[in-house]
């Protein structure tokens, strides 16, 4: 055997690839189509799951059920206004991907369905890797975060950072700060710039989901009025689902909230 010969023939390699792809694909019938896995993964290693439906005869819609952008937002990336948003839009434009809120989708014909599913899955994997975008200089802690950490420190409490809690629906909801003595307390810092209504709607659902699963959970959400545009709708959402929703410098109220959680020195 020369140094250019391989111990596997082209047909055998093709067979190995086909077997792998076949094993990686699982398809389940749902009410309006199919849900299925593909041999692609997100940046965190989880396999991509897609849904296909047929909204009109011969026209197929492939979508990601909103999971891609939800996972990206969980990493702290701002998918609306910063460089992440620009990269996201560029990927969507180049692959002819539509966005409706969290959901990414693609329309195609029956003849191109398999190819478009492959292209769509590759695009979702690329989008998930936007989580690794970073600033050229490390960011200093925001005033909101610095204040929260100072309050916990003064009370002798060491909270868990980026802690995952399980709701009844979403099983992995990441909160910025979490601690527990008598009761549980979760604190989330708003860092998205500008208007935050859509972001608050997402967190409104998460807080209610967590409250359903953790009846003793005390919830705080703080913002910086110099950074976030908190209109009446955002305030109403925050007030309806949080025990405290307000600017970071209202430290007396935040300390009182820790008292309510039974976390006295």
Foldseek 3Di string as FASTA:
>chain_A
DDPPDDPDDPVRVVVVVVVVQVVQWDWDDDDFFIKIWGPAAAPVRHTQIWTWGPPDVQKIKIKRVLPLVVLLVLLVDDCPDDPLVVVLVVLCVVLVWDDDQSMIMDMDGPVCVVVNVVSVRVSSNVSSVSSPDDDPDDDDDDPLVVLVVVLCVVQVHDWDAQDFPQFPVRGGHTAGTWDADQAIETEHEDDAFEECLSVLVVVLVVLVRRCNVGVRYAYEYEYAVVGYDCDPNSVVSCVVRHPYYYHSPPVVVVNVSCVVSVSGD
